Amino acid sequence: YSLNNYNDAFSWRPGAVGIHLDSASAANPRGGSNWSANAIKKGITVTAGAVEEPFLQGLPRPDGIIFNLLEGANVGDAFLRNTLWLKWMIINIGDPLYRPFAKQRGPFR
């Protein structure tokens, strides 16, 4: 947990999807010290974050996102299905139609 801070410990491969579960991970999605803005600058393809305190249950569920992506869902659908409350505090950054595992067989063909 690193509130409103990006720890440059990652090397992102093309197509990488990731989130950081903190209350200000996308406080300023266009810059600043927050995780989402810096992850984009460093090469992540898709991320999500909180612009204010969403409480833990308001953040997207990473296990569900990964599950849906592996089934062949696009990023927009996977993030939407795994965000409990649709409100202004969570922002998804990246192409919502990106499907990293599109060739997988499953309900999202």
PDB file of N, CA and C in Angstrom:
ATOM      1  N   TYR A   1       0.844  -1.176   0.000  1.00  0.00           N
ATOM      2  CA  TYR A   1       0.000   0.000   0.000  1.00  0.00           C
ATOM      3  C   TYR A   1       0.881   1.228   0.000  1.00  0.00           C
ATOM      4  N   SER A   2       0.674   2.066  -0.986  1.00  0.00           N
ATOM      5  CA  SER A   2       1.494   3.270  -1.118  1.00  0.00           C
ATOM      6  C   SER A   2       0.581   4.401  -1.573  1.00  0.00           C
ATOM      7  N   LEU A   3      -0.045   5.076  -0.628  1.00  0.00           N
ATOM      8  CA  LEU A   3      -1.067   6.077  -0.918  1.00  0.00           C
ATOM      9  C   LEU A   3      -0.555   7.188  -1.819  1.00  0.00           C
ATOM     10  N   ASN A   4      -1.229   7.372  -2.951  1.00  0.00           N
ATOM     11  CA  ASN A   4      -0.942   8.438  -3.908  1.00  0.00           C
ATOM     12  C   ASN A   4       0.527   8.479  -4.316  1.00  0.00           C
ATOM     13  N   ASN A   5       1.099   7.288  -4.520  1.00  0.00           N
ATOM     14  CA  ASN A   5       2.513   7.203  -4.873  1.00  0.00           C
ATOM     15  C   ASN A   5       2.737   6.014  -5.803  1.00  0.00           C
ATOM     16  N   TYR A   6       3.562   6.210  -6.810  1.00  0.00           N
ATOM     17  CA  TYR A   6       3.940   5.119  -7.716  1.00  0.00           C
ATOM     18  C   TYR A   6       5.328   4.638  -7.336  1.00  0.00           C
ATOM     19  N   ASN A   7       5.438   3.377  -6.988  1.00  0.00           N
ATOM     20  CA  ASN A   7       6.726   2.756  -6.701  1.00  0.00           C
ATOM     21  C   ASN A   7       7.212   2.128  -8.000  1.00  0.00           C
ATOM     22  N   ASP A   8       8.246   2.677  -8.578  1.00  0.00           N
ATOM     23  CA  ASP A   8       8.731   2.238  -9.887  1.00  0.00           C
ATOM     24  C   ASP A   8       9.478   0.900  -9.773  1.00  0.00           C
ATOM     25  N   ALA A   9       8.711  -0.151  -9.494  1.00  0.00           N
ATOM     26  CA  ALA A   9       9.284  -1.478  -9.299  1.00  0.00           C
ATOM     27  C   ALA A   9       8.856  -2.457 -10.389  1.00  0.00           C
ATOM     28  N   PHE A  10       8.183  -1.946 -11.422  1.00  0.00           N
ATOM     29  CA  PHE A  10       7.616  -2.814 -12.439  1.00  0.00           C
ATOM     30  C   PHE A  10       8.200  -2.504 -13.813  1.00  0.00           C
ATOM     31  N   SER A  11       8.245  -3.508 -14.653  1.00  0.00           N
ATOM     32  CA  SER A  11       8.551  -3.292 -16.069  1.00  0.00           C
ATOM     33  C   SER A  11       7.359  -3.864 -16.825  1.00  0.00           C
ATOM     34  N   TRP A  12       6.600  -2.988 -17.447  1.00  0.00           N
ATOM     35  CA  TRP A  12       5.355  -3.379 -18.089  1.00  0.00           C
ATOM     36  C   TRP A  12       5.594  -3.896 -19.495  1.00  0.00           C
ATOM     37  N   ARG A  13       5.055  -5.057 -19.776  1.00  0.00           N
ATOM     38  CA  ARG A  13       5.100  -5.607 -21.127  1.00  0.00           C
ATOM     39  C   ARG A  13       3.923  -5.053 -21.915  1.00  0.00           C
ATOM     40  N   PRO A  14       4.033  -4.993 -23.236  1.00  0.00           N
ATOM     41  CA  PRO A  14       2.908  -4.513 -24.040  1.00  0.00           C
ATOM     42  C   PRO A  14       1.649  -5.331 -23.751  1.00  0.00           C
ATOM     43  N   GLY A  15       0.550  -4.627 -23.517  1.00  0.00           N
ATOM     44  CA  GLY A  15      -0.712  -5.291 -23.213  1.00  0.00           C
ATOM     45  C   GLY A  15      -0.982  -5.502 -21.740  1.00  0.00           C
ATOM     46  N   ALA A  16      -0.093  -5.050 -20.852  1.00  0.00           N
ATOM     47  CA  ALA A  16      -0.236  -5.278 -19.412  1.00  0.00           C
ATOM     48  C   ALA A  16      -1.487  -4.600 -18.859  1.00  0.00           C
ATOM     49  N   VAL A  17      -2.164  -5.308 -17.956  1.00  0.00           N
ATOM     50  CA  VAL A  17      -3.341  -4.798 -17.257  1.00  0.00           C
ATOM     51  C   VAL A  17      -3.033  -4.890 -15.769  1.00  0.00           C
ATOM     52  N   GLY A  18      -3.244  -3.799 -15.032  1.00  0.00           N
ATOM     53  CA  GLY A  18      -2.973  -3.833 -13.600  1.00  0.00           C
ATOM     54  C   GLY A  18      -3.654  -2.716 -12.862  1.00  0.00           C
ATOM     55  N   ILE A  19      -3.875  -2.932 -11.571  1.00  0.00           N
ATOM     56  CA  ILE A  19      -4.452  -1.905 -10.710  1.00  0.00           C
ATOM     57  C   ILE A  19      -3.701  -1.883  -9.392  1.00  0.00           C
ATOM     58  N   HIS A  20      -3.807  -0.780  -8.689  1.00  0.00           N
ATOM     59  CA  HIS A  20      -3.220  -0.639  -7.357  1.00  0.00           C
ATOM     60  C   HIS A  20      -4.351  -0.257  -6.423  1.00  0.00           C
ATOM     61  N   LEU A  21      -4.551  -1.041  -5.386  1.00  0.00           N
ATOM     62  CA  LEU A  21      -5.680  -0.818  -4.496  1.00  0.00           C
ATOM     63  C   LEU A  21      -5.328   0.201  -3.420  1.00  0.00           C
ATOM     64  N   ASP A  22      -5.457   1.473  -3.763  1.00  0.00           N
ATOM     65  CA  ASP A  22      -5.340   2.514  -2.756  1.00  0.00           C
ATOM     66  C   ASP A  22      -6.340   3.613  -3.036  1.00  0.00           C
ATOM     67  N   SER A  23      -6.598   4.432  -2.043  1.00  0.00           N
ATOM     68  CA  SER A  23      -7.671   5.414  -2.088  1.00  0.00           C
ATOM     69  C   SER A  23      -7.413   6.595  -3.004  1.00  0.00           C
ATOM     70  N   ALA A  24      -6.212   6.735  -3.519  1.00  0.00           N
ATOM     71  CA  ALA A  24      -5.893   7.861  -4.396  1.00  0.00           C
ATOM     72  C   ALA A  24      -5.063   7.394  -5.584  1.00  0.00           C
ATOM     73  N   SER A  25      -5.282   6.157  -6.024  1.00  0.00           N
ATOM     74  CA  SER A  25      -4.458   5.600  -7.094  1.00  0.00           C
ATOM     75  C   SER A  25      -4.657   6.289  -8.433  1.00  0.00           C
ATOM     76  N   ALA A  26      -5.736   7.052  -8.573  1.00  0.00           N
ATOM     77  CA  ALA A  26      -5.954   7.841  -9.785  1.00  0.00           C
ATOM     78  C   ALA A  26      -6.418   9.251  -9.420  1.00  0.00           C
ATOM     79  N   ALA A  27      -5.871   9.778  -8.323  1.00  0.00           N
ATOM     80  CA  ALA A  27      -6.285  11.099  -7.828  1.00  0.00           C
ATOM     81  C   ALA A  27      -6.166  12.166  -8.908  1.00  0.00           C
ATOM     82  N   ASN A  28      -5.137  12.100  -9.701  1.00  0.00           N
ATOM     83  CA  ASN A  28      -4.961  13.000 -10.845  1.00  0.00           C
ATOM     84  C   ASN A  28      -4.516  12.118 -12.011  1.00  0.00           C
ATOM     85  N   PRO A  29      -5.455  11.604 -12.808  1.00  0.00           N
ATOM     86  CA  PRO A  29      -5.093  10.634 -13.836  1.00  0.00           C
ATOM     87  C   PRO A  29      -4.182  11.172 -14.937  1.00  0.00           C
ATOM     88  N   ARG A  30      -3.994  12.487 -15.012  1.00  0.00           N
ATOM     89  CA  ARG A  30      -3.135  13.059 -16.049  1.00  0.00           C
ATOM     90  C   ARG A  30      -1.735  13.377 -15.555  1.00  0.00           C
ATOM     91  N   GLY A  31      -1.460  13.151 -14.294  1.00  0.00           N
ATOM     92  CA  GLY A  31      -0.124  13.435 -13.786  1.00  0.00           C
ATOM     93  C   GLY A  31      -0.063  13.352 -12.280  1.00  0.00           C
ATOM     94  N   GLY A  32       1.008  13.854 -11.719  1.00  0.00           N
ATOM     95  CA  GLY A  32       1.190  13.798 -10.277  1.00  0.00           C
ATOM     96  C   GLY A  32       1.895  12.532  -9.856  1.00  0.00           C
ATOM     97  N   SER A  33       1.841  12.244  -8.584  1.00  0.00           N
ATOM     98  CA  SER A  33       2.582  11.099  -8.041  1.00  0.00           C
ATOM     99  C   SER A  33       1.742   9.833  -7.940  1.00  0.00           C
ATOM    100  N   ASN A  34       0.468   9.878  -8.343  1.00  0.00           N
ATOM    101  CA  ASN A  34      -0.415   8.726  -8.159  1.00  0.00           C
ATOM    102  C   ASN A  34      -0.010   7.545  -9.036  1.00  0.00           C
ATOM    103  N   TRP A  35      -0.494   6.380  -8.661  1.00  0.00           N
ATOM    104  CA  TRP A  35      -0.112   5.132  -9.304  1.00  0.00           C
ATOM    105  C   TRP A  35      -0.577   5.050 -10.753  1.00  0.00           C
ATOM    106  N   SER A  36      -1.840   5.346 -11.025  1.00  0.00           N
ATOM    107  CA  SER A  36      -2.390   5.157 -12.376  1.00  0.00           C
ATOM    108  C   SER A  36      -1.687   6.001 -13.426  1.00  0.00           C
ATOM    109  N   ALA A  37      -1.509   7.287 -13.152  1.00  0.00           N
ATOM    110  CA  ALA A  37      -0.857   8.170 -14.126  1.00  0.00           C
ATOM    111  C   ALA A  37       0.562   7.710 -14.426  1.00  0.00           C
ATOM    112  N   ASN A  38       1.289   7.316 -13.404  1.00  0.00           N
ATOM    113  CA  ASN A  38       2.679   6.897 -13.607  1.00  0.00           C
ATOM    114  C   ASN A  38       2.781   5.515 -14.238  1.00  0.00           C
ATOM    115  N   ALA A  39       1.848   4.635 -13.947  1.00  0.00           N
ATOM    116  CA  ALA A  39       1.843   3.324 -14.602  1.00  0.00           C
ATOM    117  C   ALA A  39       1.620   3.495 -16.106  1.00  0.00           C
ATOM    118  N   ILE A  40       0.725   4.401 -16.483  1.00  0.00           N
ATOM    119  CA  ILE A  40       0.497   4.687 -17.907  1.00  0.00           C
ATOM    120  C   ILE A  40       1.771   5.252 -18.539  1.00  0.00           C
ATOM    121  N   LYS A  41       2.410   6.190 -17.860  1.00  0.00           N
ATOM    122  CA  LYS A  41       3.660   6.773 -18.375  1.00  0.00           C
ATOM    123  C   LYS A  41       4.737   5.717 -18.556  1.00  0.00           C
ATOM    124  N   LYS A  42       4.750   4.718 -17.670  1.00  0.00           N
ATOM    125  CA  LYS A  42       5.775   3.676 -17.714  1.00  0.00           C
ATOM    126  C   LYS A  42       5.422   2.525 -18.641  1.00  0.00           C
ATOM    127  N   GLY A  43       4.203   2.541 -19.240  1.00  0.00           N
ATOM    128  CA  GLY A  43       3.906   1.554 -20.271  1.00  0.00           C
ATOM    129  C   GLY A  43       2.777   0.581 -20.025  1.00  0.00           C
ATOM    130  N   ILE A  44       2.078   0.667 -18.894  1.00  0.00           N
ATOM    131  CA  ILE A  44       0.947  -0.237 -18.699  1.00  0.00           C
ATOM    132  C   ILE A  44      -0.135   0.104 -19.731  1.00  0.00           C
ATOM    133  N   THR A  45      -0.885  -0.864 -20.180  1.00  0.00           N
ATOM    134  CA  THR A  45      -1.887  -0.650 -21.212  1.00  0.00           C
ATOM    135  C   THR A  45      -3.236  -0.249 -20.620  1.00  0.00           C
ATOM    136  N   VAL A  46      -3.651  -0.905 -19.547  1.00  0.00           N
ATOM    137  CA  VAL A  46      -4.943  -0.642 -18.920  1.00  0.00           C
ATOM    138  C   VAL A  46      -4.773  -0.633 -17.408  1.00  0.00           C
ATOM    139  N   THR A  47      -5.426   0.317 -16.761  1.00  0.00           N
ATOM    140  CA  THR A  47      -5.430   0.364 -15.304  1.00  0.00           C
ATOM    141  C   THR A  47      -6.738   0.976 -14.827  1.00  0.00           C
ATOM    142  N   ALA A  48      -6.972   0.920 -13.554  1.00  0.00           N
ATOM    143  CA  ALA A  48      -8.130   1.555 -12.930  1.00  0.00           C
ATOM    144  C   ALA A  48      -7.666   2.103 -11.599  1.00  0.00           C
ATOM    145  N   GLY A  49      -8.372   3.095 -11.111  1.00  0.00           N
ATOM    146  CA  GLY A  49      -7.994   3.655  -9.826  1.00  0.00           C
ATOM    147  C   GLY A  49      -9.091   4.506  -9.231  1.00  0.00           C
ATOM    148  N   ALA A  50      -8.862   4.911  -8.010  1.00  0.00           N
ATOM    149  CA  ALA A  50      -9.824   5.727  -7.271  1.00  0.00           C
ATOM    150  C   ALA A  50      -9.385   7.186  -7.281  1.00  0.00           C
ATOM    151  N   VAL A  51     -10.331   8.074  -7.522  1.00  0.00           N
ATOM    152  CA  VAL A  51     -10.035   9.500  -7.465  1.00  0.00           C
ATOM    153  C   VAL A  51     -10.313  10.057  -6.067  1.00  0.00           C
ATOM    154  N   GLU A  52     -11.015   9.318  -5.259  1.00  0.00           N
ATOM    155  CA  GLU A  52     -11.319   9.635  -3.862  1.00  0.00           C
ATOM    156  C   GLU A  52     -11.468   8.319  -3.114  1.00  0.00           C
ATOM    157  N   GLU A  53     -11.699   8.387  -1.822  1.00  0.00           N
ATOM    158  CA  GLU A  53     -11.838   7.183  -0.995  1.00  0.00           C
ATOM    159  C   GLU A  53     -13.096   6.398  -1.378  1.00  0.00           C
ATOM    160  N   PRO A  54     -12.941   5.221  -1.999  1.00  0.00           N
ATOM    161  CA  PRO A  54     -14.108   4.421  -2.352  1.00  0.00           C
ATOM    162  C   PRO A  54     -14.400   3.336  -1.320  1.00  0.00           C
ATOM    163  N   PHE A  55     -13.562   3.209  -0.302  1.00  0.00           N
ATOM    164  CA  PHE A  55     -13.571   2.093   0.631  1.00  0.00           C
ATOM    165  C   PHE A  55     -13.254   0.820  -0.139  1.00  0.00           C
ATOM    166  N   LEU A  56     -12.769  -0.188   0.527  1.00  0.00           N
ATOM    167  CA  LEU A  56     -12.265  -1.382  -0.142  1.00  0.00           C
ATOM    168  C   LEU A  56     -13.304  -2.024  -1.048  1.00  0.00           C
ATOM    169  N   GLN A  57     -14.543  -2.091  -0.593  1.00  0.00           N
ATOM    170  CA  GLN A  57     -15.564  -2.748  -1.414  1.00  0.00           C
ATOM    171  C   GLN A  57     -15.926  -1.945  -2.665  1.00  0.00           C
ATOM    172  N   GLY A  58     -15.503  -0.684  -2.760  1.00  0.00           N
ATOM    173  CA  GLY A  58     -15.756   0.125  -3.943  1.00  0.00           C
ATOM    174  C   GLY A  58     -14.721  -0.042  -5.040  1.00  0.00           C
ATOM    175  N   LEU A  59     -13.584  -0.668  -4.726  1.00  0.00           N
ATOM    176  CA  LEU A  59     -12.537  -0.889  -5.718  1.00  0.00           C
ATOM    177  C   LEU A  59     -12.869  -2.116  -6.576  1.00  0.00           C
ATOM    178  N   PRO A  60     -12.409  -2.142  -7.820  1.00  0.00           N
ATOM    179  CA  PRO A  60     -12.654  -3.315  -8.675  1.00  0.00           C
ATOM    180  C   PRO A  60     -12.019  -4.571  -8.064  1.00  0.00           C
ATOM    181  N   ARG A  61     -12.673  -5.712  -8.218  1.00  0.00           N
ATOM    182  CA  ARG A  61     -12.161  -6.986  -7.691  1.00  0.00           C
ATOM    183  C   ARG A  61     -11.160  -7.593  -8.672  1.00  0.00           C
ATOM    184  N   PRO A  62      -9.874  -7.604  -8.331  1.00  0.00           N
ATOM    185  CA  PRO A  62      -8.858  -8.114  -9.261  1.00  0.00           C
ATOM    186  C   PRO A  62      -9.074  -9.568  -9.673  1.00  0.00           C
ATOM    187  N   ASP A  63      -9.491 -10.430  -8.736  1.00  0.00           N
ATOM    188  CA  ASP A  63      -9.673 -11.839  -9.081  1.00  0.00           C
ATOM    189  C   ASP A  63     -10.769 -12.021 -10.123  1.00  0.00           C
ATOM    190  N   GLY A  64     -11.847 -11.272 -10.008  1.00  0.00           N
ATOM    191  CA  GLY A  64     -12.925 -11.354 -10.984  1.00  0.00           C
ATOM    192  C   GLY A  64     -12.525 -10.786 -12.337  1.00  0.00           C
ATOM    193  N   ILE A  65     -11.745  -9.699 -12.313  1.00  0.00           N
ATOM    194  CA  ILE A  65     -11.268  -9.102 -13.564  1.00  0.00           C
ATOM    195  C   ILE A  65     -10.415 -10.108 -14.331  1.00  0.00           C
ATOM    196  N   ILE A  66      -9.454 -10.713 -13.644  1.00  0.00           N
ATOM    197  CA  ILE A  66      -8.575 -11.700 -14.286  1.00  0.00           C
ATOM    198  C   ILE A  66      -9.395 -12.876 -14.811  1.00  0.00           C
ATOM    199  N   PHE A  67     -10.336 -13.356 -14.023  1.00  0.00           N
ATOM    200  CA  PHE A  67     -11.184 -14.474 -14.439  1.00  0.00           C
ATOM    201  C   PHE A  67     -11.918 -14.136 -15.737  1.00  0.00           C
ATOM    202  N   ASN A  68     -12.575 -12.961 -15.770  1.00  0.00           N
ATOM    203  CA  ASN A  68     -13.321 -12.573 -16.965  1.00  0.00           C
ATOM    204  C   ASN A  68     -12.416 -12.352 -18.167  1.00  0.00           C
ATOM    205  N   LEU A  69     -11.241 -11.754 -17.968  1.00  0.00           N
ATOM    206  CA  LEU A  69     -10.304 -11.566 -19.078  1.00  0.00           C
ATOM    207  C   LEU A  69      -9.849 -12.905 -19.640  1.00  0.00           C
ATOM    208  N   LEU A  70      -9.564 -13.857 -18.767  1.00  0.00           N
ATOM    209  CA  LEU A  70      -9.145 -15.184 -19.221  1.00  0.00           C
ATOM    210  C   LEU A  70     -10.267 -15.912 -19.962  1.00  0.00           C
ATOM    211  N   GLU A  71     -11.518 -15.568 -19.658  1.00  0.00           N
ATOM    212  CA  GLU A  71     -12.659 -16.134 -20.385  1.00  0.00           C
ATOM    213  C   GLU A  71     -12.799 -15.530 -21.774  1.00  0.00           C
ATOM    214  N   GLY A  72     -12.094 -14.419 -22.023  1.00  0.00           N
ATOM    215  CA  GLY A  72     -12.168 -13.770 -23.322  1.00  0.00           C
ATOM    216  C   GLY A  72     -12.918 -12.449 -23.330  1.00  0.00           C
ATOM    217  N   ALA A  73     -13.313 -11.956 -22.158  1.00  0.00           N
ATOM    218  CA  ALA A  73     -14.033 -10.680 -22.088  1.00  0.00           C
ATOM    219  C   ALA A  73     -13.126  -9.524 -22.474  1.00  0.00           C
ATOM    220  N   ASN A  74     -13.730  -8.418 -22.915  1.00  0.00           N
ATOM    221  CA  ASN A  74     -12.936  -7.216 -23.133  1.00  0.00           C
ATOM    222  C   ASN A  74     -12.748  -6.512 -21.787  1.00  0.00           C
ATOM    223  N   VAL A  75     -11.799  -5.597 -21.738  1.00  0.00           N
ATOM    224  CA  VAL A  75     -11.439  -4.913 -20.489  1.00  0.00           C
ATOM    225  C   VAL A  75     -12.628  -4.152 -19.904  1.00  0.00           C
ATOM    226  N   GLY A  76     -13.377  -3.446 -20.758  1.00  0.00           N
ATOM    227  CA  GLY A  76     -14.518  -2.681 -20.257  1.00  0.00           C
ATOM    228  C   GLY A  76     -15.527  -3.562 -19.545  1.00  0.00           C
ATOM    229  N   ASP A  77     -15.840  -4.703 -20.142  1.00  0.00           N
ATOM    230  CA  ASP A  77     -16.796  -5.623 -19.542  1.00  0.00           C
ATOM    231  C   ASP A  77     -16.243  -6.223 -18.251  1.00  0.00           C
ATOM    232  N   ALA A  78     -14.988  -6.639 -18.267  1.00  0.00           N
ATOM    233  CA  ALA A  78     -14.391  -7.258 -17.083  1.00  0.00           C
ATOM    234  C   ALA A  78     -14.354  -6.285 -15.902  1.00  0.00           C
ATOM    235  N   PHE A  79     -13.971  -5.031 -16.148  1.00  0.00           N
ATOM    236  CA  PHE A  79     -13.931  -4.051 -15.062  1.00  0.00           C
ATOM    237  C   PHE A  79     -15.340  -3.705 -14.584  1.00  0.00           C
ATOM    238  N   LEU A  80     -16.280  -3.559 -15.499  1.00  0.00           N
ATOM    239  CA  LEU A  80     -17.651  -3.227 -15.127  1.00  0.00           C
ATOM    240  C   LEU A  80     -18.277  -4.331 -14.276  1.00  0.00           C
ATOM    241  N   ARG A  81     -18.094  -5.576 -14.684  1.00  0.00           N
ATOM    242  CA  ARG A  81     -18.667  -6.701 -13.935  1.00  0.00           C
ATOM    243  C   ARG A  81     -18.096  -6.827 -12.526  1.00  0.00           C
ATOM    244  N   ASN A  82     -16.921  -6.286 -12.295  1.00  0.00           N
ATOM    245  CA  ASN A  82     -16.243  -6.480 -11.011  1.00  0.00           C
ATOM    246  C   ASN A  82     -16.094  -5.208 -10.197  1.00  0.00           C
ATOM    247  N   THR A  83     -16.910  -4.208 -10.501  1.00  0.00           N
ATOM    248  CA  THR A  83     -16.971  -2.988  -9.711  1.00  0.00           C
ATOM    249  C   THR A  83     -18.346  -2.949  -9.069  1.00  0.00           C
ATOM    250  N   LEU A  84     -18.388  -3.014  -7.738  1.00  0.00           N
ATOM    251  CA  LEU A  84     -19.652  -3.142  -7.014  1.00  0.00           C
ATOM    252  C   LEU A  84     -20.554  -1.924  -7.199  1.00  0.00           C
ATOM    253  N   TRP A  85     -19.983  -0.735  -7.063  1.00  0.00           N
ATOM    254  CA  TRP A  85     -20.792   0.485  -7.167  1.00  0.00           C
ATOM    255  C   TRP A  85     -20.331   1.291  -8.360  1.00  0.00           C
ATOM    256  N   LEU A  86     -21.247   1.673  -9.210  1.00  0.00           N
ATOM    257  CA  LEU A  86     -20.914   2.514 -10.350  1.00  0.00           C
ATOM    258  C   LEU A  86     -21.106   3.961  -9.921  1.00  0.00           C
ATOM    259  N   LYS A  87     -20.015   4.588  -9.577  1.00  0.00           N
ATOM    260  CA  LYS A  87     -20.065   5.986  -9.156  1.00  0.00           C
ATOM    261  C   LYS A  87     -18.799   6.686  -9.601  1.00  0.00           C
ATOM    262  N   TRP A  88     -18.679   7.920  -9.362  1.00  0.00           N
ATOM    263  CA  TRP A  88     -17.606   8.744  -9.892  1.00  0.00           C
ATOM    264  C   TRP A  88     -16.243   8.478  -9.274  1.00  0.00           C
ATOM    265  N   MET A  89     -16.111   7.716  -8.244  1.00  0.00           N
ATOM    266  CA  MET A  89     -14.830   7.565  -7.549  1.00  0.00           C
ATOM    267  C   MET A  89     -13.849   6.621  -8.229  1.00  0.00           C
ATOM    268  N   ILE A  90     -14.314   5.744  -9.102  1.00  0.00           N
ATOM    269  CA  ILE A  90     -13.436   4.809  -9.806  1.00  0.00           C
ATOM    270  C   ILE A  90     -13.350   5.226 -11.266  1.00  0.00           C
ATOM    271  N   ILE A  91     -12.124   5.261 -11.785  1.00  0.00           N
ATOM    272  CA  ILE A  91     -11.923   5.598 -13.193  1.00  0.00           C
ATOM    273  C   ILE A  91     -11.120   4.468 -13.840  1.00  0.00           C
ATOM    274  N   ASN A  92     -11.568   4.024 -15.008  1.00  0.00           N
ATOM    275  CA  ASN A  92     -10.856   3.015 -15.784  1.00  0.00           C
ATOM    276  C   ASN A  92     -10.124   3.730 -16.908  1.00  0.00           C
ATOM    277  N   ILE A  93      -8.854   3.410 -17.091  1.00  0.00           N
ATOM    278  CA  ILE A  93      -8.016   4.088 -18.080  1.00  0.00           C
ATOM    279  C   ILE A  93      -7.496   3.060 -19.074  1.00  0.00           C
ATOM    280  N   GLY A  94      -7.778   3.264 -20.349  1.00  0.00           N
ATOM    281  CA  GLY A  94      -7.331   2.359 -21.400  1.00  0.00           C
ATOM    282  C   GLY A  94      -8.463   2.057 -22.359  1.00  0.00           C
ATOM    283  N   ASP A  95      -8.188   1.260 -23.347  1.00  0.00           N
ATOM    284  CA  ASP A  95      -9.170   0.904 -24.368  1.00  0.00           C
ATOM    285  C   ASP A  95     -10.153  -0.118 -23.797  1.00  0.00           C
ATOM    286  N   PRO A  96     -11.442   0.238 -23.653  1.00  0.00           N
ATOM    287  CA  PRO A  96     -12.400  -0.704 -23.065  1.00  0.00           C
ATOM    288  C   PRO A  96     -12.665  -1.923 -23.951  1.00  0.00           C
ATOM    289  N   LEU A  97     -12.337  -1.851 -25.227  1.00  0.00           N
ATOM    290  CA  LEU A  97     -12.571  -2.983 -26.127  1.00  0.00           C
ATOM    291  C   LEU A  97     -11.368  -3.912 -26.248  1.00  0.00           C
ATOM    292  N   TYR A  98     -10.283  -3.595 -25.562  1.00  0.00           N
ATOM    293  CA  TYR A  98      -9.087  -4.437 -25.593  1.00  0.00           C
ATOM    294  C   TYR A  98      -9.405  -5.804 -24.986  1.00  0.00           C
ATOM    295  N   ARG A  99      -9.056  -6.874 -25.721  1.00  0.00           N
ATOM    296  CA  ARG A  99      -9.294  -8.248 -25.260  1.00  0.00           C
ATOM    297  C   ARG A  99      -7.967  -8.998 -25.271  1.00  0.00           C
ATOM    298  N   PRO A 100      -7.264  -9.036 -24.139  1.00  0.00           N
ATOM    299  CA  PRO A 100      -5.948  -9.670 -24.127  1.00  0.00           C
ATOM    300  C   PRO A 100      -5.986 -11.177 -24.383  1.00  0.00           C
ATOM    301  N   PHE A 101      -7.108 -11.824 -24.133  1.00  0.00           N
ATOM    302  CA  PHE A 101      -7.208 -13.273 -24.337  1.00  0.00           C
ATOM    303  C   PHE A 101      -8.383 -13.600 -25.249  1.00  0.00           C
ATOM    304  N   ALA A 102      -8.483 -12.865 -26.352  1.00  0.00           N
ATOM    305  CA  ALA A 102      -9.622 -12.999 -27.253  1.00  0.00           C
ATOM    306  C   ALA A 102      -9.747 -14.382 -27.867  1.00  0.00           C
ATOM    307  N   LYS A 103      -8.673 -15.116 -27.996  1.00  0.00           N
ATOM    308  CA  LYS A 103      -8.725 -16.422 -28.652  1.00  0.00           C
ATOM    309  C   LYS A 103      -9.212 -17.531 -27.728  1.00  0.00           C
ATOM    310  N   GLN A 104      -9.372 -17.229 -26.449  1.00  0.00           N
ATOM    311  CA  GLN A 104      -9.849 -18.227 -25.505  1.00  0.00           C
ATOM    312  C   GLN A 104     -11.305 -18.565 -25.806  1.00  0.00           C
ATOM    313  N   ARG A 105     -11.692 -19.792 -25.569  1.00  0.00           N
ATOM    314  CA  ARG A 105     -13.069 -20.172 -25.768  1.00  0.00           C
ATOM    315  C   ARG A 105     -13.802 -19.952 -24.464  1.00  0.00           C
ATOM    316  N   GLY A 106     -14.948 -19.375 -24.546  1.00  0.00           N
ATOM    317  CA  GLY A 106     -15.739 -19.105 -23.356  1.00  0.00           C
ATOM    318  C   GLY A 106     -16.988 -18.317 -23.718  1.00  0.00           C
ATOM    319  N   PRO A 107     -17.685 -17.800 -22.739  1.00  0.00           N
ATOM    320  CA  PRO A 107     -18.946 -17.118 -23.013  1.00  0.00           C
ATOM    321  C   PRO A 107     -18.784 -15.773 -23.704  1.00  0.00           C
ATOM    322  N   PHE A 108     -17.548 -15.249 -23.841  1.00  0.00           N
ATOM    323  CA  PHE A 108     -17.323 -13.924 -24.411  1.00  0.00           C
ATOM    324  C   PHE A 108     -16.727 -14.021 -25.818  1.00  0.00           C
ATOM    325  N   ARG A 109     -17.190 -14.906 -26.657  1.00  0.00           N
ATOM    326  CA  ARG A 109     -16.632 -15.098 -27.993  1.00  0.00           C
ATOM    327  C   ARG A 109     -16.913 -13.962 -28.913  1.00  0.00           C
TER     328      ARG A 109
END
